[in-house]
PDB file of N, CA and C in Angstrom:
ATOM      1  N   MET A   1     -12.168-109.075 -37.571  1.00  0.00           N
ATOM      2  CA  MET A   1     -13.212-108.120 -37.718  1.00  0.00           C
ATOM      3  C   MET A   1     -12.930-107.635 -39.044  1.00  0.00           C
ATOM      4  N   LYS A   2     -14.090-107.603 -39.862  1.00  0.00           N
ATOM      5  CA  LYS A   2     -14.069-107.093 -41.225  1.00  0.00           C
ATOM      6  C   LYS A   2     -14.617-105.733 -41.468  1.00  0.00           C
ATOM      7  N   LEU A   3     -14.083-104.954 -42.127  1.00  0.00           N
ATOM      8  CA  LEU A   3     -14.504-103.577 -42.427  1.00  0.00           C
ATOM      9  C   LEU A   3     -15.195-103.523 -43.703  1.00  0.00           C
ATOM     10  N   GLY A   4     -16.177-102.726 -43.786  1.00  0.00           N
ATOM     11  CA  GLY A   4     -17.050-102.603 -45.000  1.00  0.00           C
ATOM     12  C   GLY A   4     -18.431-102.534 -44.756  1.00  0.00           C
ATOM     13  N   LEU A   5     -19.336-102.533 -45.712  1.00  0.00           N
ATOM     14  CA  LEU A   5     -20.760-102.646 -45.421  1.00  0.00           C
ATOM     15  C   LEU A   5     -21.155-103.875 -45.010  1.00  0.00           C
ATOM     16  N   PRO A   6     -22.246-103.899 -44.144  1.00  0.00           N
ATOM     17  CA  PRO A   6     -22.687-105.145 -43.722  1.00  0.00           C
ATOM     18  C   PRO A   6     -23.545-105.827 -44.779  1.00  0.00           C
ATOM     19  N   LYS A   7     -23.595-107.144 -44.654  1.00  0.00           N
ATOM     20  CA  LYS A   7     -24.357-107.969 -45.711  1.00  0.00           C
ATOM     21  C   LYS A   7     -25.925-107.670 -45.455  1.00  0.00           C
ATOM     22  N   PRO A   8     -26.688-107.683 -46.557  1.00  0.00           N
ATOM     23  CA  PRO A   8     -28.053-107.378 -46.420  1.00  0.00           C
ATOM     24  C   PRO A   8     -28.683-108.557 -45.655  1.00  0.00           C
ATOM     25  N   ASP A   9     -29.781-108.214 -44.824  1.00  0.00           N
ATOM     26  CA  ASP A   9     -30.559-109.232 -44.209  1.00  0.00           C
ATOM     27  C   ASP A   9     -31.399-109.959 -45.136  1.00  0.00           C
ATOM     28  N   GLU A  10     -32.256-110.872 -44.649  1.00  0.00           N
ATOM     29  CA  GLU A  10     -33.269-111.714 -45.655  1.00  0.00           C
ATOM     30  C   GLU A  10     -34.068-110.784 -46.472  1.00  0.00           C
ATOM     31  N   ASP A  11     -34.544-109.660 -45.853  1.00  0.00           N
ATOM     32  CA  ASP A  11     -35.378-108.795 -46.602  1.00  0.00           C
ATOM     33  C   ASP A  11     -34.710-107.721 -47.545  1.00  0.00           C
ATOM     34  N   GLY A  12     -33.390-107.847 -47.612  1.00  0.00           N
ATOM     35  CA  GLY A  12     -32.613-107.097 -48.535  1.00  0.00           C
ATOM     36  C   GLY A  12     -32.080-105.799 -47.957  1.00  0.00           C
ATOM     37  N   VAL A  13     -32.297-105.529 -46.723  1.00  0.00           N
ATOM     38  CA  VAL A  13     -32.017-104.249 -46.077  1.00  0.00           C
ATOM     39  C   VAL A  13     -30.586-104.478 -45.383  1.00  0.00           C
ATOM     40  N   ARG A  14     -29.716-103.511 -45.482  1.00  0.00           N
ATOM     41  CA  ARG A  14     -28.587-103.571 -44.640  1.00  0.00           C
ATOM     42  C   ARG A  14     -28.645-102.942 -43.372  1.00  0.00           C
ATOM     43  N   ARG A  15     -28.434-103.515 -42.438  1.00  0.00           N
ATOM     44  CA  ARG A  15     -28.555-103.018 -40.986  1.00  0.00           C
ATOM     45  C   ARG A  15     -27.357-103.070 -40.304  1.00  0.00           C
ATOM     46  N   VAL A  16     -26.983-101.958 -39.436  1.00  0.00           N
ATOM     47  CA  VAL A  16     -25.750-101.920 -38.761  1.00  0.00           C
ATOM     48  C   VAL A  16     -26.187-102.331 -37.391  1.00  0.00           C
ATOM     49  N   ARG A  17     -25.388-103.278 -36.887  1.00  0.00           N
ATOM     50  CA  ARG A  17     -25.544-103.709 -35.395  1.00  0.00           C
ATOM     51  C   ARG A  17     -24.413-103.355 -34.584  1.00  0.00           C
ATOM     52  N   LEU A  18     -24.767-102.774 -33.429  1.00  0.00           N
ATOM     53  CA  LEU A  18     -23.713-102.359 -32.605  1.00  0.00           C
ATOM     54  C   LEU A  18     -23.421-103.424 -31.493  1.00  0.00           C
ATOM     55  N   GLY A  19     -22.226-103.449 -31.115  1.00  0.00           N
ATOM     56  CA  GLY A  19     -21.965-104.409 -29.916  1.00  0.00           C
ATOM     57  C   GLY A  19     -22.116-103.601 -28.675  1.00  0.00           C
ATOM     58  N   PHE A  20     -21.755-104.045 -27.595  1.00  0.00           N
ATOM     59  CA  PHE A  20     -21.856-103.336 -26.268  1.00  0.00           C
ATOM     60  C   PHE A  20     -20.857-102.268 -26.289  1.00  0.00           C
ATOM     61  N   VAL A  21     -19.633-102.404 -26.661  1.00  0.00           N
ATOM     62  CA  VAL A  21     -18.567-101.304 -26.698  1.00  0.00           C
ATOM     63  C   VAL A  21     -19.020-100.163 -27.524  1.00  0.00           C
ATOM     64  N   GLU A  22     -19.414-100.597 -28.756  1.00  0.00           N
ATOM     65  CA  GLU A  22     -19.908 -99.581 -29.753  1.00  0.00           C
ATOM     66  C   GLU A  22     -21.124 -98.716 -29.290  1.00  0.00           C
ATOM     67  N   PHE A  23     -22.047 -99.497 -28.681  1.00  0.00           N
ATOM     68  CA  PHE A  23     -23.323 -98.772 -28.097  1.00  0.00           C
ATOM     69  C   PHE A  23     -22.837 -97.826 -26.930  1.00  0.00           C
ATOM     70  N   ALA A  24     -21.971 -98.418 -26.126  1.00  0.00           N
ATOM     71  CA  ALA A  24     -21.463 -97.477 -24.972  1.00  0.00           C
ATOM     72  C   ALA A  24     -20.788 -96.186 -25.430  1.00  0.00           C
ATOM     73  N   ALA A  25     -20.034 -96.419 -26.600  1.00  0.00           N
ATOM     74  CA  ALA A  25     -19.196 -95.217 -27.213  1.00  0.00           C
ATOM     75  C   ALA A  25     -20.230 -94.219 -27.763  1.00  0.00           C
ATOM     76  N   VAL A  26     -21.327 -94.696 -28.411  1.00  0.00           N
ATOM     77  CA  VAL A  26     -22.381 -93.825 -28.924  1.00  0.00           C
ATOM     78  C   VAL A  26     -23.043 -93.065 -27.769  1.00  0.00           C
ATOM     79  N   VAL A  27     -23.412 -93.809 -26.722  1.00  0.00           N
ATOM     80  CA  VAL A  27     -24.103 -93.134 -25.617  1.00  0.00           C
ATOM     81  C   VAL A  27     -23.154 -92.060 -24.965  1.00  0.00           C
ATOM     82  N   VAL A  28     -21.934 -92.440 -24.751  1.00  0.00           N
ATOM     83  CA  VAL A  28     -20.993 -91.463 -24.169  1.00  0.00           C
ATOM     84  C   VAL A  28     -20.807 -90.181 -25.016  1.00  0.00           C
ATOM     85  N   ALA A  29     -20.683 -90.538 -26.443  1.00  0.00           N
ATOM     86  CA  ALA A  29     -20.539 -89.396 -27.344  1.00  0.00           C
ATOM     87  C   ALA A  29     -21.827 -88.481 -27.320  1.00  0.00           C
ATOM     88  N   ILE A  30     -22.998 -89.030 -27.266  1.00  0.00           N
ATOM     89  CA  ILE A  30     -24.227 -88.309 -27.252  1.00  0.00           C
ATOM     90  C   ILE A  30     -24.255 -87.552 -25.877  1.00  0.00           C
ATOM     91  N   THR A  31     -23.925 -88.153 -24.764  1.00  0.00           N
ATOM     92  CA  THR A  31     -23.922 -87.382 -23.499  1.00  0.00           C
ATOM     93  C   THR A  31     -22.891 -86.270 -23.366  1.00  0.00           C
ATOM     94  N   LEU A  32     -21.727 -86.559 -23.854  1.00  0.00           N
ATOM     95  CA  LEU A  32     -20.665 -85.461 -23.927  1.00  0.00           C
ATOM     96  C   LEU A  32     -21.220 -84.377 -24.908  1.00  0.00           C
ATOM     97  N   GLY A  33     -21.693 -84.691 -26.052  1.00  0.00           N
ATOM     98  CA  GLY A  33     -22.283 -83.621 -27.009  1.00  0.00           C
ATOM     99  C   GLY A  33     -23.411 -82.765 -26.304  1.00  0.00           C
ATOM    100  N   TRP A  34     -24.269 -83.586 -25.596  1.00  0.00           N
ATOM    101  CA  TRP A  34     -25.294 -82.731 -24.792  1.00  0.00           C
ATOM    102  C   TRP A  34     -24.816 -81.861 -23.716  1.00  0.00           C
ATOM    103  N   TRP A  35     -23.782 -82.362 -23.052  1.00  0.00           N
ATOM    104  CA  TRP A  35     -23.153 -81.598 -21.922  1.00  0.00           C
ATOM    105  C   TRP A  35     -22.412 -80.314 -22.529  1.00  0.00           C
ATOM    106  N   LEU A  36     -21.655 -80.509 -23.590  1.00  0.00           N
ATOM    107  CA  LEU A  36     -21.046 -79.465 -24.312  1.00  0.00           C
ATOM    108  C   LEU A  36     -21.938 -78.403 -24.729  1.00  0.00           C
ATOM    109  N   VAL A  37     -23.067 -78.844 -25.333  1.00  0.00           N
ATOM    110  CA  VAL A  37     -23.964 -77.871 -25.925  1.00  0.00           C
ATOM    111  C   VAL A  37     -24.650 -77.089 -24.707  1.00  0.00           C
ATOM    112  N   SER A  38     -24.930 -77.847 -23.593  1.00  0.00           N
ATOM    113  CA  SER A  38     -25.509 -77.259 -22.462  1.00  0.00           C
ATOM    114  C   SER A  38     -24.611 -76.082 -21.785  1.00  0.00           C
ATOM    115  N   GLN A  39     -23.319 -76.363 -21.894  1.00  0.00           N
ATOM    116  CA  GLN A  39     -22.213 -75.572 -21.324  1.00  0.00           C
ATOM    117  C   GLN A  39     -22.239 -74.254 -22.124  1.00  0.00           C
ATOM    118  N   LEU A  40     -22.279 -74.301 -23.529  1.00  0.00           N
ATOM    119  CA  LEU A  40     -22.155 -73.227 -24.432  1.00  0.00           C
ATOM    120  C   LEU A  40     -23.381 -72.376 -24.156  1.00  0.00           C
ATOM    121  N   VAL A  41     -24.592 -73.085 -24.099  1.00  0.00           N
ATOM    122  CA  VAL A  41     -25.772 -72.203 -23.893  1.00  0.00           C
ATOM    123  C   VAL A  41     -25.795 -71.449 -22.554  1.00  0.00           C
ATOM    124  N   SER A  42     -25.247 -72.267 -21.533  1.00  0.00           N
ATOM    125  CA  SER A  42     -25.172 -71.515 -20.233  1.00  0.00           C
ATOM    126  C   SER A  42     -24.211 -70.448 -20.209  1.00  0.00           C
ATOM    127  N   GLN A  43     -23.170 -70.571 -20.946  1.00  0.00           N
ATOM    128  CA  GLN A  43     -22.132 -69.456 -21.058  1.00  0.00           C
ATOM    129  C   GLN A  43     -22.851 -68.251 -21.762  1.00  0.00           C
ATOM    130  N   GLN A  44     -23.516 -68.487 -22.811  1.00  0.00           N
ATOM    131  CA  GLN A  44     -24.290 -67.442 -23.547  1.00  0.00           C
ATOM    132  C   GLN A  44     -25.291 -66.839 -22.727  1.00  0.00           C
ATOM    133  N   TYR A  45     -25.993 -67.672 -21.885  1.00  0.00           N
ATOM    134  CA  TYR A  45     -26.941 -67.084 -20.998  1.00  0.00           C
ATOM    135  C   TYR A  45     -26.302 -66.075 -20.060  1.00  0.00           C
ATOM    136  N   ASP A  46     -25.233 -66.580 -19.336  1.00  0.00           N
ATOM    137  CA  ASP A  46     -24.528 -65.810 -18.334  1.00  0.00           C
ATOM    138  C   ASP A  46     -24.042 -64.543 -18.988  1.00  0.00           C
ATOM    139  N   ALA A  47     -23.506 -64.606 -20.183  1.00  0.00           N
ATOM    140  CA  ALA A  47     -23.048 -63.385 -20.832  1.00  0.00           C
ATOM    141  C   ALA A  47     -24.073 -62.419 -21.137  1.00  0.00           C
ATOM    142  N   GLN A  48     -25.361 -62.900 -21.477  1.00  0.00           N
ATOM    143  CA  GLN A  48     -26.459 -62.145 -21.780  1.00  0.00           C
ATOM    144  C   GLN A  48     -26.971 -61.402 -20.500  1.00  0.00           C
ATOM    145  N   MET A  49     -26.935 -62.170 -19.349  1.00  0.00           N
ATOM    146  CA  MET A  49     -27.394 -61.517 -18.137  1.00  0.00           C
ATOM    147  C   MET A  49     -26.377 -60.565 -17.758  1.00  0.00           C
ATOM    148  N   LYS A  50     -25.157 -60.646 -17.952  1.00  0.00           N
ATOM    149  CA  LYS A  50     -24.188 -59.660 -17.568  1.00  0.00           C
ATOM    150  C   LYS A  50     -24.408 -58.479 -18.309  1.00  0.00           C
ATOM    151  N   ALA A  51     -24.665 -58.641 -19.645  1.00  0.00           N
ATOM    152  CA  ALA A  51     -24.905 -57.511 -20.603  1.00  0.00           C
ATOM    153  C   ALA A  51     -26.146 -56.824 -20.246  1.00  0.00           C
ATOM    154  N   ASN A  52     -26.984 -57.530 -19.770  1.00  0.00           N
ATOM    155  CA  ASN A  52     -28.422 -56.873 -19.429  1.00  0.00           C
ATOM    156  C   ASN A  52     -28.104 -55.999 -18.081  1.00  0.00           C
ATOM    157  N   ALA A  53     -27.364 -56.565 -17.076  1.00  0.00           N
ATOM    158  CA  ALA A  53     -27.025 -55.865 -15.912  1.00  0.00           C
ATOM    159  C   ALA A  53     -26.325 -54.573 -16.244  1.00  0.00           C
ATOM    160  N   ASP A  54     -25.298 -54.750 -17.095  1.00  0.00           N
ATOM    161  CA  ASP A  54     -24.537 -53.495 -17.590  1.00  0.00           C
ATOM    162  C   ASP A  54     -25.501 -52.526 -18.244  1.00  0.00           C
ATOM    163  N   THR A  55     -26.376 -52.954 -18.951  1.00  0.00           N
ATOM    164  CA  THR A  55     -27.217 -51.990 -19.686  1.00  0.00           C
ATOM    165  C   THR A  55     -28.030 -51.337 -18.681  1.00  0.00           C
ATOM    166  N   ALA A  56     -28.714 -52.101 -17.673  1.00  0.00           N
ATOM    167  CA  ALA A  56     -29.444 -51.506 -16.602  1.00  0.00           C
ATOM    168  C   ALA A  56     -28.723 -50.368 -15.941  1.00  0.00           C
ATOM    169  N   THR A  57     -27.427 -50.759 -15.566  1.00  0.00           N
ATOM    170  CA  THR A  57     -26.615 -49.823 -14.867  1.00  0.00           C
ATOM    171  C   THR A  57     -26.478 -48.415 -15.649  1.00  0.00           C
ATOM    172  N   ALA A  58     -26.176 -48.691 -17.048  1.00  0.00           N
ATOM    173  CA  ALA A  58     -25.948 -47.470 -17.886  1.00  0.00           C
ATOM    174  C   ALA A  58     -27.302 -46.656 -17.942  1.00  0.00           C
ATOM    175  N   ILE A  59     -28.372 -47.387 -17.964  1.00  0.00           N
ATOM    176  CA  ILE A  59     -29.782 -46.723 -18.137  1.00  0.00           C
ATOM    177  C   ILE A  59     -29.979 -45.933 -16.814  1.00  0.00           C
ATOM    178  N   ASN A  60     -29.720 -46.557 -15.636  1.00  0.00           N
ATOM    179  CA  ASN A  60     -29.809 -45.790 -14.416  1.00  0.00           C
ATOM    180  C   ASN A  60     -28.948 -44.631 -14.380  1.00  0.00           C
ATOM    181  N   GLY A  61     -27.659 -44.669 -14.854  1.00  0.00           N
ATOM    182  CA  GLY A  61     -26.805 -43.552 -15.043  1.00  0.00           C
ATOM    183  C   GLY A  61     -27.444 -42.364 -15.802  1.00  0.00           C
ATOM    184  N   LEU A  62     -28.005 -42.910 -16.935  1.00  0.00           N
ATOM    185  CA  LEU A  62     -28.658 -41.898 -17.870  1.00  0.00           C
ATOM    186  C   LEU A  62     -29.844 -41.239 -17.161  1.00  0.00           C
ATOM    187  N   ARG A  63     -30.554 -42.062 -16.485  1.00  0.00           N
ATOM    188  CA  ARG A  63     -31.683 -41.373 -15.701  1.00  0.00           C
ATOM    189  C   ARG A  63     -31.302 -40.452 -14.710  1.00  0.00           C
ATOM    190  N   THR A  64     -30.234 -40.648 -14.029  1.00  0.00           N
ATOM    191  CA  THR A  64     -29.716 -39.647 -13.133  1.00  0.00           C
ATOM    192  C   THR A  64     -29.243 -38.411 -13.820  1.00  0.00           C
ATOM    193  N   GLN A  65     -28.507 -38.538 -14.924  1.00  0.00           N
ATOM    194  CA  GLN A  65     -28.049 -37.449 -15.791  1.00  0.00           C
ATOM    195  C   GLN A  65     -29.291 -36.596 -16.223  1.00  0.00           C
ATOM    196  N   VAL A  66     -30.296 -37.403 -16.537  1.00  0.00           N
ATOM    197  CA  VAL A  66     -31.448 -36.519 -17.174  1.00  0.00           C
ATOM    198  C   VAL A  66     -32.224 -35.726 -15.943  1.00  0.00           C
ATOM    199  N   ALA A  67     -32.305 -36.346 -14.886  1.00  0.00           N
ATOM    200  CA  ALA A  67     -32.977 -35.762 -13.760  1.00  0.00           C
ATOM    201  C   ALA A  67     -32.113 -34.503 -13.308  1.00  0.00           C
ATOM    202  N   VAL A  68     -30.755 -34.671 -13.330  1.00  0.00           N
ATOM    203  CA  VAL A  68     -29.938 -33.390 -13.036  1.00  0.00           C
ATOM    204  C   VAL A  68     -30.099 -32.351 -14.153  1.00  0.00           C
ATOM    205  N   MET A  69     -30.067 -32.758 -15.283  1.00  0.00           N
ATOM    206  CA  MET A  69     -30.312 -31.856 -16.406  1.00  0.00           C
ATOM    207  C   MET A  69     -31.695 -31.117 -16.353  1.00  0.00           C
ATOM    208  N   ASN A  70     -32.721 -31.908 -15.991  1.00  0.00           N
ATOM    209  CA  ASN A  70     -34.040 -31.199 -15.925  1.00  0.00           C
ATOM    210  C   ASN A  70     -33.946 -30.286 -14.878  1.00  0.00           C
ATOM    211  N   ASP A  71     -33.309 -30.468 -13.744  1.00  0.00           N
ATOM    212  CA  ASP A  71     -33.319 -29.532 -12.588  1.00  0.00           C
ATOM    213  C   ASP A  71     -32.611 -28.269 -12.964  1.00  0.00           C
ATOM    214  N   GLN A  72     -31.465 -28.462 -13.782  1.00  0.00           N
ATOM    215  CA  GLN A  72     -30.748 -27.332 -14.348  1.00  0.00           C
ATOM    216  C   GLN A  72     -31.599 -26.476 -15.342  1.00  0.00           C
ATOM    217  N   ILE A  73     -32.358 -27.221 -16.182  1.00  0.00           N
ATOM    218  CA  ILE A  73     -33.198 -26.537 -17.139  1.00  0.00           C
ATOM    219  C   ILE A  73     -34.325 -25.685 -16.317  1.00  0.00           C
ATOM    220  N   ALA A  74     -34.928 -26.317 -15.378  1.00  0.00           N
ATOM    221  CA  ALA A  74     -35.885 -25.510 -14.562  1.00  0.00           C
ATOM    222  C   ALA A  74     -35.336 -24.424 -13.851  1.00  0.00           C
ATOM    223  N   MET A  75     -34.056 -24.527 -13.391  1.00  0.00           N
ATOM    224  CA  MET A  75     -33.416 -23.279 -12.761  1.00  0.00           C
ATOM    225  C   MET A  75     -33.259 -22.181 -13.761  1.00  0.00           C
ATOM    226  N   LEU A  76     -32.656 -22.623 -14.986  1.00  0.00           N
ATOM    227  CA  LEU A  76     -32.483 -21.558 -16.112  1.00  0.00           C
ATOM    228  C   LEU A  76     -33.823 -20.929 -16.521  1.00  0.00           C
ATOM    229  N   THR A  77     -34.848 -21.877 -16.559  1.00  0.00           N
ATOM    230  CA  THR A  77     -36.109 -21.251 -17.063  1.00  0.00           C
ATOM    231  C   THR A  77     -36.561 -20.255 -15.987  1.00  0.00           C
ATOM    232  N   THR A  78     -36.303 -20.444 -14.715  1.00  0.00           N
ATOM    233  CA  THR A  78     -36.719 -19.610 -13.653  1.00  0.00           C
ATOM    234  C   THR A  78     -35.932 -18.260 -13.760  1.00  0.00           C
ATOM    235  N   GLN A  79     -34.635 -18.422 -14.061  1.00  0.00           N
ATOM    236  CA  GLN A  79     -33.755 -17.256 -14.160  1.00  0.00           C
ATOM    237  C   GLN A  79     -34.184 -16.459 -15.343  1.00  0.00           C
ATOM    238  N   LEU A  80     -34.479 -17.115 -16.424  1.00  0.00           N
ATOM    239  CA  LEU A  80     -34.697 -16.504 -17.781  1.00  0.00           C
ATOM    240  C   LEU A  80     -36.017 -15.799 -17.746  1.00  0.00           C
ATOM    241  N   ALA A  81     -36.875 -16.268 -16.818  1.00  0.00           N
ATOM    242  CA  ALA A  81     -38.342 -15.601 -16.777  1.00  0.00           C
ATOM    243  C   ALA A  81     -38.159 -14.253 -16.320  1.00  0.00           C
ATOM    244  N   ASN A  82     -37.160 -13.885 -15.634  1.00  0.00           N
ATOM    245  CA  ASN A  82     -36.968 -12.445 -15.075  1.00  0.00           C
ATOM    246  C   ASN A  82     -36.263 -11.567 -16.174  1.00  0.00           C
ATOM    247  N   VAL A  83     -35.778 -12.136 -17.245  1.00  0.00           N
ATOM    248  CA  VAL A  83     -35.044 -11.300 -18.300  1.00  0.00           C
ATOM    249  C   VAL A  83     -36.038 -10.180 -18.808  1.00  0.00           C
ATOM    250  N   PRO A  84     -37.279 -10.412 -19.169  1.00  0.00           N
ATOM    251  CA  PRO A  84     -38.080  -9.238 -19.582  1.00  0.00           C
ATOM    252  C   PRO A  84     -38.108  -8.275 -18.562  1.00  0.00           C
ATOM    253  N   ALA A  85     -38.330  -8.611 -17.265  1.00  0.00           N
ATOM    254  CA  ALA A  85     -38.449  -7.639 -16.254  1.00  0.00           C
ATOM    255  C   ALA A  85     -37.051  -6.770 -16.037  1.00  0.00           C
ATOM    256  N   LEU A  86     -36.002  -7.406 -16.231  1.00  0.00           N
ATOM    257  CA  LEU A  86     -34.811  -6.868 -16.123  1.00  0.00           C
ATOM    258  C   LEU A  86     -34.620  -5.770 -17.286  1.00  0.00           C
ATOM    259  N   ALA A  87     -35.046  -6.269 -18.400  1.00  0.00           N
ATOM    260  CA  ALA A  87     -34.934  -5.179 -19.631  1.00  0.00           C
ATOM    261  C   ALA A  87     -35.756  -4.020 -19.321  1.00  0.00           C
ATOM    262  N   ARG A  88     -37.042  -4.127 -18.721  1.00  0.00           N
ATOM    263  CA  ARG A  88     -37.938  -3.012 -18.361  1.00  0.00           C
ATOM    264  C   ARG A  88     -37.282  -2.108 -17.304  1.00  0.00           C
ATOM    265  N   THR A  89     -36.607  -2.824 -16.268  1.00  0.00           N
ATOM    266  CA  THR A  89     -35.938  -1.992 -15.321  1.00  0.00           C
ATOM    267  C   THR A  89     -34.823  -1.320 -15.833  1.00  0.00           C
ATOM    268  N   GLN A  90     -34.095  -1.902 -16.660  1.00  0.00           N
ATOM    269  CA  GLN A  90     -32.920  -1.219 -17.297  1.00  0.00           C
ATOM    270  C   GLN A  90     -33.457   0.041 -18.083  1.00  0.00           C
ATOM    271  N   ALA A  91     -34.507  -0.143 -18.813  1.00  0.00           N
ATOM    272  CA  ALA A  91     -34.965   1.030 -19.496  1.00  0.00           C
ATOM    273  C   ALA A  91     -35.486   2.126 -18.725  1.00  0.00           C
ATOM    274  N   GLN A  92     -36.098   1.816 -17.513  1.00  0.00           N
ATOM    275  CA  GLN A  92     -36.538   2.755 -16.691  1.00  0.00           C
ATOM    276  C   GLN A  92     -35.365   3.556 -16.049  1.00  0.00           C
ATOM    277  N   ILE A  93     -34.358   2.762 -15.747  1.00  0.00           N
ATOM    278  CA  ILE A  93     -33.100   3.389 -15.044  1.00  0.00           C
ATOM    279  C   ILE A  93     -32.468   4.275 -16.200  1.00  0.00           C
ATOM    280  N   GLN A  94     -32.404   3.758 -17.392  1.00  0.00           N
ATOM    281  CA  GLN A  94     -31.666   4.792 -18.484  1.00  0.00           C
ATOM    282  C   GLN A  94     -32.659   5.981 -18.520  1.00  0.00           C
ATOM    283  N   ALA A  95     -33.953   5.915 -18.500  1.00  0.00           N
ATOM    284  CA  ALA A  95     -34.736   6.970 -18.656  1.00  0.00           C
ATOM    285  C   ALA A  95     -34.583   7.893 -17.501  1.00  0.00           C
ATOM    286  N   GLU A  96     -34.544   7.504 -16.342  1.00  0.00           N
ATOM    287  CA  GLU A  96     -34.303   8.297 -15.171  1.00  0.00           C
ATOM    288  C   GLU A  96     -32.860   8.945 -15.179  1.00  0.00           C
ATOM    289  N   LEU A  97     -31.955   8.114 -15.752  1.00  0.00           N
ATOM    290  CA  LEU A  97     -30.515   8.730 -15.783  1.00  0.00           C
ATOM    291  C   LEU A  97     -30.499   9.947 -16.870  1.00  0.00           C
ATOM    292  N   ALA A  98     -31.168   9.696 -17.930  1.00  0.00           N
ATOM    293  CA  ALA A  98     -31.227  10.710 -18.882  1.00  0.00           C
ATOM    294  C   ALA A  98     -31.890  12.157 -18.367  1.00  0.00           C
ATOM    295  N   ASP A  99     -33.013  11.743 -17.580  1.00  0.00           N
ATOM    296  CA  ASP A  99     -33.732  12.936 -16.902  1.00  0.00           C
ATOM    297  C   ASP A  99     -32.811  13.632 -15.983  1.00  0.00           C
ATOM    298  N   HIS A 100     -32.141  12.833 -15.133  1.00  0.00           N
ATOM    299  CA  HIS A 100     -31.260  13.522 -14.237  1.00  0.00           C
ATOM    300  C   HIS A 100     -30.130  14.196 -14.850  1.00  0.00           C
ATOM    301  N   GLU A 101     -29.528  13.698 -15.892  1.00  0.00           N
ATOM    302  CA  GLU A 101     -28.569  14.348 -16.689  1.00  0.00           C
ATOM    303  C   GLU A 101     -29.149  15.696 -17.215  1.00  0.00           C
ATOM    304  N   ARG A 102     -30.257  15.561 -17.680  1.00  0.00           N
ATOM    305  CA  ARG A 102     -30.814  16.806 -18.361  1.00  0.00           C
ATOM    306  C   ARG A 102     -31.108  17.950 -17.345  1.00  0.00           C
ATOM    307  N   ARG A 103     -31.564  17.504 -16.009  1.00  0.00           N
ATOM    308  CA  ARG A 103     -31.817  18.432 -14.971  1.00  0.00           C
ATOM    309  C   ARG A 103     -30.469  18.990 -14.484  1.00  0.00           C
ATOM    310  N   LEU A 104     -29.446  18.048 -14.426  1.00  0.00           N
ATOM    311  CA  LEU A 104     -28.198  18.635 -13.948  1.00  0.00           C
ATOM    312  C   LEU A 104     -27.667  19.681 -14.983  1.00  0.00           C
ATOM    313  N   GLY A 105     -27.789  19.383 -16.184  1.00  0.00           N
ATOM    314  CA  GLY A 105     -27.323  20.317 -17.303  1.00  0.00           C
ATOM    315  C   GLY A 105     -28.090  21.579 -17.167  1.00  0.00           C
ATOM    316  N   ARG A 106     -29.380  21.621 -16.815  1.00  0.00           N
ATOM    317  CA  ARG A 106     -30.183  22.948 -16.704  1.00  0.00           C
ATOM    318  C   ARG A 106     -29.605  23.649 -15.490  1.00  0.00           C
ATOM    319  N   LEU A 107     -29.297  22.879 -14.291  1.00  0.00           N
ATOM    320  CA  LEU A 107     -28.814  23.646 -13.141  1.00  0.00           C
ATOM    321  C   LEU A 107     -27.526  24.298 -13.459  1.00  0.00           C
ATOM    322  N   GLU A 108     -26.713  23.702 -14.297  1.00  0.00           N
ATOM    323  CA  GLU A 108     -25.390  24.210 -14.575  1.00  0.00           C
ATOM    324  C   GLU A 108     -25.640  25.582 -15.446  1.00  0.00           C
ATOM    325  N   GLU A 109     -26.582  25.412 -16.364  1.00  0.00           N
ATOM    326  CA  GLU A 109     -26.660  26.549 -17.175  1.00  0.00           C
ATOM    327  C   GLU A 109     -27.448  27.729 -16.489  1.00  0.00           C
ATOM    328  N   ASP A 110     -28.411  27.325 -15.762  1.00  0.00           N
ATOM    329  CA  ASP A 110     -29.169  28.437 -14.968  1.00  0.00           C
ATOM    330  C   ASP A 110     -28.492  29.065 -13.778  1.00  0.00           C
ATOM    331  N   HIS A 111     -27.697  28.251 -13.132  1.00  0.00           N
ATOM    332  CA  HIS A 111     -27.065  28.825 -11.982  1.00  0.00           C
ATOM    333  C   HIS A 111     -25.510  28.939 -11.997  1.00  0.00           C
ATOM    334  N   GLY A 112     -25.008  28.443 -13.275  1.00  0.00           N
ATOM    335  CA  GLY A 112     -23.550  28.438 -13.296  1.00  0.00           C
ATOM    336  C   GLY A 112     -22.911  27.523 -12.269  1.00  0.00           C
ATOM    337  N   VAL A 113     -23.481  26.592 -11.741  1.00  0.00           N
ATOM    338  CA  VAL A 113     -22.978  25.686 -11.030  1.00  0.00           C
ATOM    339  C   VAL A 113     -22.360  24.448 -11.533  1.00  0.00           C
ATOM    340  N   ARG A 114     -21.269  24.067 -11.124  1.00  0.00           N
ATOM    341  CA  ARG A 114     -20.518  22.879 -11.704  1.00  0.00           C
ATOM    342  C   ARG A 114     -20.804  21.789 -10.755  1.00  0.00           C
ATOM    343  N   VAL A 115     -21.545  20.672 -11.331  1.00  0.00           N
ATOM    344  CA  VAL A 115     -21.775  19.566 -10.399  1.00  0.00           C
ATOM    345  C   VAL A 115     -20.495  18.537 -10.485  1.00  0.00           C
ATOM    346  N   LYS A 116     -20.064  18.233  -9.254  1.00  0.00           N
ATOM    347  CA  LYS A 116     -18.936  17.432  -9.072  1.00  0.00           C
ATOM    348  C   LYS A 116     -19.017  16.117  -9.561  1.00  0.00           C
ATOM    349  N   GLY A 117     -18.054  15.630 -10.385  1.00  0.00           N
ATOM    350  CA  GLY A 117     -18.060  14.270 -10.876  1.00  0.00           C
ATOM    351  C   GLY A 117     -19.107  14.097 -12.028  1.00  0.00           C
ATOM    352  N   TRP A 118     -19.744  15.172 -12.536  1.00  0.00           N
ATOM    353  CA  TRP A 118     -20.648  14.955 -13.596  1.00  0.00           C
ATOM    354  C   TRP A 118     -20.013  15.539 -14.844  1.00  0.00           C
ATOM    355  N   THR A 119     -20.014  14.922 -15.898  1.00  0.00           N
ATOM    356  CA  THR A 119     -19.614  15.450 -17.295  1.00  0.00           C
ATOM    357  C   THR A 119     -20.757  15.220 -18.216  1.00  0.00           C
ATOM    358  N   HIS A 120     -20.935  16.119 -19.089  1.00  0.00           N
ATOM    359  CA  HIS A 120     -22.064  16.119 -20.183  1.00  0.00           C
ATOM    360  C   HIS A 120     -21.323  15.941 -21.411  1.00  0.00           C
TER     361      HIS A 120
END
């Protein structure tokens, strides 16, 4: 067996001719290459599907957290809605307390009575 370039044919073109063993080796090489590429693509696909599943799980967790937070915000909004009413109630109580203190002070002055537990 000689190594080197094949001799040109009658039309001057050099052609490589494969025997049975060489042809079988090329077919096996192509088949193995195809199998290897398909395995790599399959692994990438599986990895992507797992990543998608993990992402979906994370998104569902975030949805749950958002729902809980929305409930908490709604509860706080309801509680804070009463703050102006509480401020008005406190102002009324302070006004009544000032009135009672003024009246107790007058009672003390007018009648010389000392009200127990009250200091002015």
